[in-house]
Amino acid sequence: DTVPPEYHSISIKSSNVKNDQRAKPGDIVTLSFSATEVLKVTPKVFIFGKSINPAKSDNYSSIYTLLNNHQEGYVTFNVTILDEAGNQKKVTQTKDDSNVIGMLLLIWRPLQSEF
């Protein structure tokens, strides 16, 4: 087997109750994904360059709480999965099969009236 594993789904959202595609300091960002085959080792997940250990149930998920010192802009992430044959695949975008299922989150400093 020399074929890299594929992602069945991958999505990212925030705990923001007004808009789960936007996050402000204190909001929790959840990156969820699943693979199309059995993975050899726990996937490597980075959100804003910080290593996050994913939790496993039916899918994998990693959570990250935004801090006050984050710059405004897109939440960056990457995930690397490794199958039992040692083939790996890395992604930096959300998708569901071949379709993008969610926008990257935008951190913003909201006006007081937006709460």
Protein backbone atom coordinates (compact mmCIF):
# COMPACT_ATOMS: atom_id res chain seq x y z
CA ASP A 1 0.00 0.00 0.00
CA THR A 2 1.58 3.25 -1.15
CA VAL A 3 -1.60 5.36 -1.21
CA PRO A 4 -1.80 8.10 1.44
CA PRO A 5 -4.86 8.10 3.69
CA GLU A 6 -7.65 10.52 2.88
CA TYR A 7 -9.75 12.76 5.08
CA HIS A 8 -13.41 11.85 5.08
CA SER A 9 -14.30 15.19 6.63
CA ILE A 10 -12.58 18.13 8.26
CA SER A 11 -14.23 21.20 9.73
CA ILE A 12 -13.50 24.05 12.10
CA LYS A 13 -15.89 26.19 14.16
CA SER A 14 -15.95 28.34 17.26
CA SER A 15 -18.10 28.39 20.37
CA ASN A 16 -19.27 31.92 19.53
CA VAL A 17 -23.08 31.81 19.90
CA LYS A 18 -23.67 34.66 17.41
CA ASN A 19 -21.56 33.21 14.59
CA ASP A 20 -19.58 29.96 14.78
CA GLN A 21 -17.34 31.14 11.94
CA ARG A 22 -15.98 34.01 14.03
CA ALA A 23 -14.04 33.82 17.25
CA LYS A 24 -13.09 36.37 19.86
CA PRO A 25 -10.69 35.97 22.79
CA GLY A 26 -12.09 33.38 25.19
CA ASP A 27 -14.00 31.49 22.49
CA ILE A 28 -13.12 27.84 21.94
CA VAL A 29 -12.15 26.73 18.43
CA THR A 30 -12.91 23.10 17.60
CA LEU A 31 -11.22 21.34 14.69
CA SER A 32 -12.97 18.04 13.84
CA PHE A 33 -11.92 15.44 11.30
CA SER A 34 -12.12 11.80 10.31
CA ALA A 35 -10.06 9.58 8.03
CA THR A 36 -11.18 7.02 5.47
CA GLU A 37 -9.03 4.28 6.99
CA VAL A 38 -7.51 3.11 10.26
CA LEU A 39 -4.72 5.39 11.41
CA LYS A 40 -1.44 3.98 12.71
CA VAL A 41 -0.75 6.72 15.23
CA THR A 42 -2.55 9.66 16.76
CA PRO A 43 -2.78 12.45 14.16
CA LYS A 44 -0.54 15.49 14.55
CA VAL A 45 -2.61 18.66 14.94
CA PHE A 46 -1.38 22.25 15.13
CA ILE A 47 -3.58 25.30 15.66
CA PHE A 48 -1.73 28.62 15.44
CA GLY A 49 1.46 26.56 15.40
CA LYS A 50 0.71 25.02 18.81
CA SER A 51 0.59 21.22 19.04
CA ILE A 52 -2.85 20.03 20.17
CA ASN A 53 -3.55 16.39 21.05
CA PRO A 54 -6.80 15.34 19.36
CA ALA A 55 -9.49 13.43 21.27
CA LYS A 56 -10.85 10.33 19.53
CA SER A 57 -14.40 9.07 19.43
CA ASP A 58 -16.08 8.38 16.08
CA ASN A 59 -14.10 11.35 14.76
CA TYR A 60 -11.08 13.23 16.03
CA SER A 61 -11.42 16.67 17.53
CA SER A 62 -8.97 19.23 18.85
CA ILE A 63 -9.88 22.31 20.83
CA TYR A 64 -8.07 25.59 21.29
CA THR A 65 -9.07 28.64 23.34
CA LEU A 66 -8.30 31.99 21.75
CA LEU A 67 -6.28 34.39 23.85
CA ASN A 68 -6.27 38.19 24.04
CA ASN A 69 -2.87 38.38 22.31
CA HIS A 70 -3.93 36.76 19.02
CA GLN A 71 -3.78 38.95 15.96
CA GLU A 72 -6.93 39.47 13.94
CA GLY A 73 -7.06 37.16 10.94
CA TYR A 74 -7.70 33.58 9.96
CA VAL A 75 -7.19 30.74 12.43
CA THR A 76 -4.42 28.64 10.90
CA PHE A 77 -4.13 24.91 11.40
CA ASN A 78 -2.60 21.78 9.94
CA VAL A 79 -3.33 18.11 10.49
CA THR A 80 -1.15 15.17 9.47
CA ILE A 81 -2.50 11.61 9.47
CA LEU A 82 -0.52 8.38 9.05
CA ASP A 83 -2.05 5.06 7.97
CA GLU A 84 -0.96 1.56 8.98
CA ALA A 85 1.35 1.29 5.93
CA GLY A 86 3.20 4.46 6.94
CA ASN A 87 1.69 6.72 4.25
CA GLN A 88 0.89 10.23 5.40
CA LYS A 89 -1.32 13.13 4.32
CA LYS A 90 -1.29 16.73 5.57
CA VAL A 91 -4.09 19.29 5.23
CA THR A 92 -4.40 22.98 6.04
CA GLN A 93 -7.96 23.60 4.82
CA THR A 94 -11.40 22.42 5.79
CA LYS A 95 -13.21 19.95 3.53
CA ASP A 96 -15.80 17.21 3.38
CA ASP A 97 -14.80 14.65 0.78
CA SER A 98 -13.97 17.03 -2.08
CA ASN A 99 -16.04 20.00 -0.85
CA VAL A 100 -15.10 22.79 1.50
CA ILE A 101 -17.60 22.56 4.36
CA GLY A 102 -16.67 25.61 6.37
CA MET A 103 -14.86 28.88 6.20
CA LEU A 104 -11.70 29.38 8.14
CA LEU A 105 -12.50 31.24 11.32
CA LEU A 106 -11.85 34.95 11.45
CA ILE A 107 -10.78 36.41 14.76
CA TRP A 108 -12.18 39.87 15.21
CA ARG A 109 -12.36 42.56 17.82
CA PRO A 110 -16.12 43.20 17.89
CA LEU A 111 -17.82 46.45 18.72
CA GLN A 112 -19.61 46.40 22.07
CA SER A 113 -22.96 46.43 20.22
CA GLU A 114 -22.15 43.08 18.57
CA PHE A 115 -22.46 41.17 21.85
